[in-house]
C-alpha cells in the first residue's frame, strides 16, 4: 500500500546505512549527498538516480564528484577532501594514524571525510 501512495505522490524512499553515503541526481543533475538514515525524495523513480558509496576504503569513486565540487561546493567540502600535488611534490597521506596512500607529482585524490580522520 505504501509503495502505491509513494508512486502517486511521486516520492522515493531511500535508506542509507551508517557505512554509506549516497549521491543523488534528478533528471541527470546532481542534487546532493545523503547521510545515514531514511530519506523521502521528491520525484518519480524513473527520473531519480541514486549512487551508493561504501566508505570502507575511503576513496570517492563517483563519476559525479567533479559536478559536486562545481555545482555544490559547500556540500562537497562537508563530505569530501580533495588532495592535489604539484609537479615537484609528493604527498604522504595518513588516515587513522596509518599510511593510507602516497600521491605522486601532479596528481589529484578525493577521499570521504566521513570515513575517518
N, C-alpha and C. Protein backbone atom coordinates (compact mmCIF):
# COMPACT_ATOMS: atom_id res chain seq x y z
N UNK A 1 0.82 -1.20 0.00
CA UNK A 1 0.00 0.00 0.00
C UNK A 1 0.87 1.27 0.00
N UNK A 2 1.92 1.26 0.83
CA UNK A 2 2.80 2.43 0.92
C UNK A 2 3.47 2.72 -0.41
N UNK A 3 3.90 1.68 -1.14
CA UNK A 3 4.56 1.91 -2.43
C UNK A 3 3.61 2.58 -3.42
N UNK A 4 2.33 2.21 -3.41
CA UNK A 4 1.36 2.84 -4.31
C UNK A 4 1.18 4.31 -3.97
N UNK A 5 1.10 4.61 -2.68
CA UNK A 5 0.95 6.00 -2.25
C UNK A 5 2.18 6.81 -2.65
N UNK A 6 3.38 6.23 -2.45
CA UNK A 6 4.61 6.93 -2.83
C UNK A 6 4.66 7.18 -4.33
N UNK A 7 4.22 6.21 -5.13
CA UNK A 7 4.21 6.40 -6.59
C UNK A 7 3.23 7.49 -6.99
N UNK A 8 2.05 7.51 -6.35
CA UNK A 8 1.06 8.54 -6.67
C UNK A 8 1.58 9.93 -6.30
N UNK A 9 2.22 10.03 -5.14
CA UNK A 9 2.77 11.31 -4.68
C UNK A 9 4.11 11.65 -5.32
N UNK A 10 4.61 10.73 -6.12
CA UNK A 10 5.91 10.89 -6.79
C UNK A 10 7.03 11.10 -5.78
N UNK A 11 7.11 10.18 -4.87
CA UNK A 11 8.14 10.18 -3.83
C UNK A 11 8.91 8.86 -3.91
N UNK A 12 10.18 8.90 -3.53
CA UNK A 12 11.02 7.71 -3.50
C UNK A 12 11.67 7.64 -2.13
N UNK A 13 11.60 6.48 -1.51
CA UNK A 13 12.18 6.27 -0.19
C UNK A 13 13.55 5.61 -0.35
N UNK A 14 14.56 6.18 0.33
CA UNK A 14 15.93 5.68 0.25
C UNK A 14 16.47 5.50 1.66
N UNK A 15 17.10 4.36 1.92
CA UNK A 15 17.75 4.11 3.20
C UNK A 15 19.25 4.07 2.97
N UNK A 16 19.98 4.90 3.73
CA UNK A 16 21.44 4.95 3.66
C UNK A 16 21.97 4.41 4.98
N UNK A 17 22.80 3.38 4.91
CA UNK A 17 23.38 2.78 6.11
C UNK A 17 24.50 3.64 6.68
N UNK A 18 24.88 3.35 7.91
CA UNK A 18 25.91 4.11 8.63
C UNK A 18 27.24 4.15 7.87
N UNK A 19 27.58 3.07 7.17
CA UNK A 19 28.85 2.98 6.46
C UNK A 19 28.75 3.41 5.00
N UNK A 20 27.70 4.15 4.65
CA UNK A 20 27.47 4.55 3.27
C UNK A 20 27.18 6.04 3.16
N UNK A 21 27.33 6.54 1.95
CA UNK A 21 26.84 7.84 1.55
C UNK A 21 26.21 7.64 0.18
N UNK A 22 25.27 8.50 -0.19
CA UNK A 22 24.60 8.37 -1.48
C UNK A 22 24.61 9.71 -2.20
N UNK A 23 25.00 9.68 -3.46
CA UNK A 23 24.95 10.86 -4.32
C UNK A 23 23.64 10.76 -5.08
N UNK A 24 22.85 11.86 -5.06
CA UNK A 24 21.55 11.84 -5.72
C UNK A 24 21.55 12.74 -6.95
N UNK A 25 20.83 12.28 -7.96
CA UNK A 25 20.66 13.05 -9.19
C UNK A 25 19.19 13.02 -9.57
N UNK A 26 18.70 14.14 -10.06
CA UNK A 26 17.34 14.20 -10.57
C UNK A 26 17.40 14.72 -12.00
N UNK A 27 16.87 13.94 -12.90
CA UNK A 27 16.92 14.25 -14.33
C UNK A 27 18.35 14.48 -14.80
N UNK A 28 19.29 13.71 -14.24
CA UNK A 28 20.69 13.78 -14.64
C UNK A 28 21.50 14.89 -14.00
N UNK A 29 20.91 15.64 -13.08
CA UNK A 29 21.62 16.76 -12.43
C UNK A 29 21.86 16.40 -10.97
N UNK A 30 23.08 16.58 -10.51
CA UNK A 30 23.44 16.28 -9.13
C UNK A 30 22.65 17.17 -8.19
N UNK A 31 22.03 16.53 -7.17
CA UNK A 31 21.22 17.31 -6.22
C UNK A 31 21.76 17.25 -4.80
N UNK A 32 22.71 16.34 -4.50
CA UNK A 32 23.26 16.33 -3.16
C UNK A 32 23.85 15.01 -2.73
N UNK A 33 24.22 14.96 -1.45
CA UNK A 33 24.77 13.76 -0.82
C UNK A 33 23.88 13.43 0.37
N UNK A 34 23.46 12.18 0.45
CA UNK A 34 22.63 11.72 1.56
C UNK A 34 23.51 11.06 2.62
N UNK A 35 23.20 11.35 3.88
CA UNK A 35 23.90 10.77 5.03
C UNK A 35 23.04 9.62 5.58
N UNK A 36 23.54 8.87 6.58
CA UNK A 36 22.79 7.73 7.10
C UNK A 36 21.39 8.12 7.57
N UNK A 37 20.45 7.22 7.29
CA UNK A 37 19.07 7.42 7.69
C UNK A 37 18.12 7.10 6.57
N UNK A 38 16.85 7.33 6.83
CA UNK A 38 15.81 7.11 5.83
C UNK A 38 15.42 8.45 5.23
N UNK A 39 15.41 8.52 3.91
CA UNK A 39 15.12 9.77 3.21
C UNK A 39 13.96 9.56 2.25
N UNK A 40 13.07 10.53 2.17
CA UNK A 40 11.99 10.52 1.20
C UNK A 40 12.28 11.64 0.22
N UNK A 41 12.50 11.25 -1.04
CA UNK A 41 12.91 12.21 -2.06
C UNK A 41 11.76 12.49 -3.02
N UNK A 42 11.61 13.74 -3.40
CA UNK A 42 10.60 14.12 -4.37
C UNK A 42 11.05 13.67 -5.76
N UNK A 43 10.12 13.24 -6.56
CA UNK A 43 10.43 12.88 -7.93
C UNK A 43 10.14 11.43 -8.23
N UNK A 44 9.75 11.18 -9.46
CA UNK A 44 9.47 9.82 -9.89
C UNK A 44 10.76 9.02 -9.93
N UNK A 45 10.66 7.77 -9.58
CA UNK A 45 11.86 6.92 -9.50
C UNK A 45 12.55 6.76 -10.85
N UNK A 46 11.82 6.91 -11.97
CA UNK A 46 12.46 6.77 -13.27
C UNK A 46 13.30 8.00 -13.65
N UNK A 47 13.16 9.09 -12.89
CA UNK A 47 13.95 10.29 -13.15
C UNK A 47 14.98 10.55 -12.05
N UNK A 48 14.97 9.72 -11.05
CA UNK A 48 15.84 9.88 -9.89
C UNK A 48 16.90 8.79 -9.91
N UNK A 49 18.16 9.18 -9.79
CA UNK A 49 19.26 8.22 -9.72
C UNK A 49 19.95 8.37 -8.38
N UNK A 50 20.31 7.24 -7.79
CA UNK A 50 20.99 7.24 -6.51
C UNK A 50 22.23 6.38 -6.64
N UNK A 51 23.38 6.98 -6.39
CA UNK A 51 24.67 6.30 -6.49
C UNK A 51 25.17 6.05 -5.06
N UNK A 52 25.14 4.79 -4.63
CA UNK A 52 25.54 4.43 -3.27
C UNK A 52 27.06 4.25 -3.21
N UNK A 53 27.66 4.68 -2.07
CA UNK A 53 29.10 4.59 -1.87
C UNK A 53 29.41 3.97 -0.51
N UNK A 54 30.26 2.97 -0.52
CA UNK A 54 30.74 2.35 0.72
C UNK A 54 31.95 3.14 1.20
N UNK A 55 31.96 3.51 2.46
CA UNK A 55 33.06 4.31 3.00
C UNK A 55 34.27 3.48 3.41
N UNK A 56 34.19 2.16 3.28
CA UNK A 56 35.22 1.26 3.81
C UNK A 56 36.62 1.59 3.31
N UNK A 57 36.79 1.84 2.02
CA UNK A 57 38.15 2.10 1.53
C UNK A 57 38.52 3.58 1.57
N UNK A 58 37.54 4.47 1.77
CA UNK A 58 37.83 5.89 1.93
C UNK A 58 37.86 6.71 0.65
N UNK A 59 38.09 6.08 -0.49
CA UNK A 59 38.18 6.81 -1.76
C UNK A 59 36.79 7.19 -2.26
N UNK A 60 36.69 8.38 -2.85
CA UNK A 60 35.46 8.77 -3.54
C UNK A 60 35.58 8.22 -4.95
N UNK A 61 34.71 7.31 -5.29
CA UNK A 61 34.72 6.70 -6.62
C UNK A 61 33.39 7.01 -7.30
N UNK A 62 33.22 8.26 -7.65
CA UNK A 62 31.97 8.71 -8.25
C UNK A 62 32.25 9.44 -9.55
N UNK A 63 31.42 9.17 -10.52
CA UNK A 63 31.51 9.89 -11.78
C UNK A 63 31.06 11.34 -11.62
N UNK A 64 30.44 11.65 -10.48
CA UNK A 64 29.83 12.96 -10.27
C UNK A 64 30.57 13.83 -9.26
N UNK A 65 31.74 13.41 -8.80
CA UNK A 65 32.45 14.19 -7.79
C UNK A 65 32.85 15.57 -8.31
N UNK A 66 33.25 15.68 -9.56
CA UNK A 66 33.59 16.99 -10.12
C UNK A 66 32.34 17.86 -10.19
N UNK A 67 31.23 17.29 -10.58
CA UNK A 67 29.97 18.05 -10.62
C UNK A 67 29.58 18.53 -9.24
N UNK A 68 29.81 17.72 -8.22
CA UNK A 68 29.52 18.13 -6.85
C UNK A 68 30.38 19.33 -6.44
N UNK A 69 31.67 19.26 -6.71
CA UNK A 69 32.56 20.36 -6.37
C UNK A 69 32.20 21.63 -7.16
N UNK A 70 31.78 21.48 -8.41
CA UNK A 70 31.44 22.63 -9.24
C UNK A 70 30.08 23.23 -8.88
N UNK A 71 29.06 22.39 -8.73
CA UNK A 71 27.69 22.87 -8.52
C UNK A 71 27.32 23.08 -7.05
N UNK A 72 27.90 22.29 -6.16
CA UNK A 72 27.54 22.34 -4.74
C UNK A 72 28.80 22.29 -3.88
N UNK A 73 29.66 23.31 -3.97
CA UNK A 73 30.94 23.25 -3.27
C UNK A 73 30.84 23.09 -1.75
N UNK A 74 29.83 23.70 -1.12
CA UNK A 74 29.69 23.57 0.33
C UNK A 74 29.39 22.12 0.72
N UNK A 75 28.51 21.48 -0.03
CA UNK A 75 28.15 20.08 0.24
C UNK A 75 29.36 19.18 0.00
N UNK A 76 30.06 19.40 -1.10
CA UNK A 76 31.24 18.59 -1.43
C UNK A 76 32.31 18.75 -0.35
N UNK A 77 32.56 19.97 0.09
CA UNK A 77 33.60 20.20 1.09
C UNK A 77 33.22 19.66 2.47
N UNK A 78 31.93 19.56 2.73
CA UNK A 78 31.48 18.99 4.00
C UNK A 78 31.76 17.49 4.08
N UNK A 79 31.68 16.80 2.94
CA UNK A 79 31.79 15.34 2.93
C UNK A 79 33.07 14.80 2.30
N UNK A 80 33.74 15.61 1.48
CA UNK A 80 34.90 15.12 0.73
C UNK A 80 36.11 16.02 0.94
N UNK A 81 37.28 15.43 0.82
CA UNK A 81 38.53 16.16 0.91
C UNK A 81 39.30 15.93 -0.39
N UNK A 82 39.70 17.03 -1.02
CA UNK A 82 40.48 16.95 -2.26
C UNK A 82 41.94 17.23 -1.93
N UNK A 83 42.82 16.35 -2.38
CA UNK A 83 44.26 16.50 -2.17
C UNK A 83 44.91 16.57 -3.56
N UNK A 84 45.71 17.62 -3.77
CA UNK A 84 46.40 17.80 -5.06
C UNK A 84 47.89 17.97 -4.80
N UNK A 85 48.68 17.43 -5.70
CA UNK A 85 50.12 17.66 -5.65
C UNK A 85 50.52 18.42 -6.91
N UNK A 86 51.53 19.26 -6.75
CA UNK A 86 52.08 19.99 -7.89
C UNK A 86 53.14 19.14 -8.58
N UNK A 87 53.73 19.70 -9.61
CA UNK A 87 54.74 18.97 -10.39
C UNK A 87 55.92 18.48 -9.54
N UNK A 88 56.46 19.30 -8.62
CA UNK A 88 57.61 18.79 -7.87
C UNK A 88 57.24 18.17 -6.51
N UNK A 89 55.93 17.90 -6.27
CA UNK A 89 55.51 17.47 -4.93
C UNK A 89 55.10 16.00 -4.87
N UNK A 90 55.25 15.46 -3.68
CA UNK A 90 54.74 14.12 -3.35
C UNK A 90 54.01 14.27 -2.03
N UNK A 91 52.84 13.66 -1.91
CA UNK A 91 52.07 13.73 -0.66
C UNK A 91 51.99 12.35 -0.02
N UNK A 92 52.29 12.28 1.25
CA UNK A 92 52.13 11.06 2.03
C UNK A 92 50.87 11.26 2.86
N UNK A 93 49.85 10.45 2.62
CA UNK A 93 48.55 10.64 3.24
C UNK A 93 48.33 9.56 4.30
N UNK A 94 48.03 10.01 5.51
CA UNK A 94 47.75 9.11 6.62
C UNK A 94 46.27 9.19 6.97
N UNK A 95 45.69 8.08 7.36
CA UNK A 95 44.31 8.04 7.85
C UNK A 95 44.29 7.17 9.09
N UNK A 96 43.74 7.67 10.16
CA UNK A 96 43.70 6.94 11.45
C UNK A 96 45.10 6.51 11.88
N UNK A 97 46.08 7.41 11.72
CA UNK A 97 47.47 7.19 12.14
C UNK A 97 48.17 6.06 11.39
N UNK A 98 47.63 5.67 10.24
CA UNK A 98 48.26 4.63 9.41
C UNK A 98 48.42 5.17 7.99
N UNK A 99 49.45 4.71 7.30
CA UNK A 99 49.68 5.13 5.93
C UNK A 99 48.49 4.74 5.07
N UNK A 100 47.91 5.72 4.40
CA UNK A 100 46.74 5.48 3.54
C UNK A 100 47.18 5.34 2.09
N UNK A 101 47.96 6.31 1.61
CA UNK A 101 48.45 6.26 0.24
C UNK A 101 49.56 7.28 0.05
N UNK A 102 50.28 7.15 -1.04
CA UNK A 102 51.29 8.13 -1.44
C UNK A 102 50.84 8.68 -2.79
N UNK A 103 50.76 9.98 -2.88
CA UNK A 103 50.31 10.64 -4.09
C UNK A 103 51.51 11.20 -4.85
N UNK A 104 51.68 10.74 -6.07
CA UNK A 104 52.81 11.16 -6.90
C UNK A 104 52.66 12.60 -7.39
N UNK A 105 53.71 13.14 -8.01
CA UNK A 105 53.64 14.52 -8.52
C UNK A 105 52.50 14.73 -9.52
N UNK A 106 51.91 15.92 -9.44
CA UNK A 106 50.87 16.36 -10.36
C UNK A 106 49.67 15.41 -10.40
N UNK A 107 49.21 14.97 -9.25
CA UNK A 107 48.06 14.06 -9.15
C UNK A 107 46.98 14.67 -8.26
N UNK A 108 45.80 14.07 -8.31
CA UNK A 108 44.65 14.52 -7.52
C UNK A 108 43.99 13.30 -6.89
N UNK A 109 43.56 13.45 -5.65
CA UNK A 109 42.90 12.38 -4.92
C UNK A 109 41.73 12.99 -4.15
N UNK A 110 40.58 12.30 -4.17
CA UNK A 110 39.42 12.75 -3.40
C UNK A 110 39.02 11.61 -2.47
N UNK A 111 38.90 11.93 -1.17
CA UNK A 111 38.53 10.92 -0.16
C UNK A 111 37.31 11.41 0.61
N UNK A 112 36.61 10.46 1.23
CA UNK A 112 35.46 10.79 2.07
C UNK A 112 35.94 11.25 3.43
N UNK A 113 35.58 12.44 3.85
CA UNK A 113 35.87 12.91 5.20
C UNK A 113 35.13 12.04 6.21
N UNK A 114 33.95 11.57 5.84
CA UNK A 114 33.11 10.78 6.72
C UNK A 114 33.68 9.40 7.03
N UNK A 115 34.73 8.99 6.31
CA UNK A 115 35.33 7.67 6.53
C UNK A 115 36.29 7.66 7.71
N UNK A 116 36.62 8.82 8.24
CA UNK A 116 37.52 8.88 9.39
C UNK A 116 38.57 9.96 9.23
N UNK A 117 39.29 10.24 10.30
CA UNK A 117 40.28 11.33 10.24
C UNK A 117 41.50 10.98 9.40
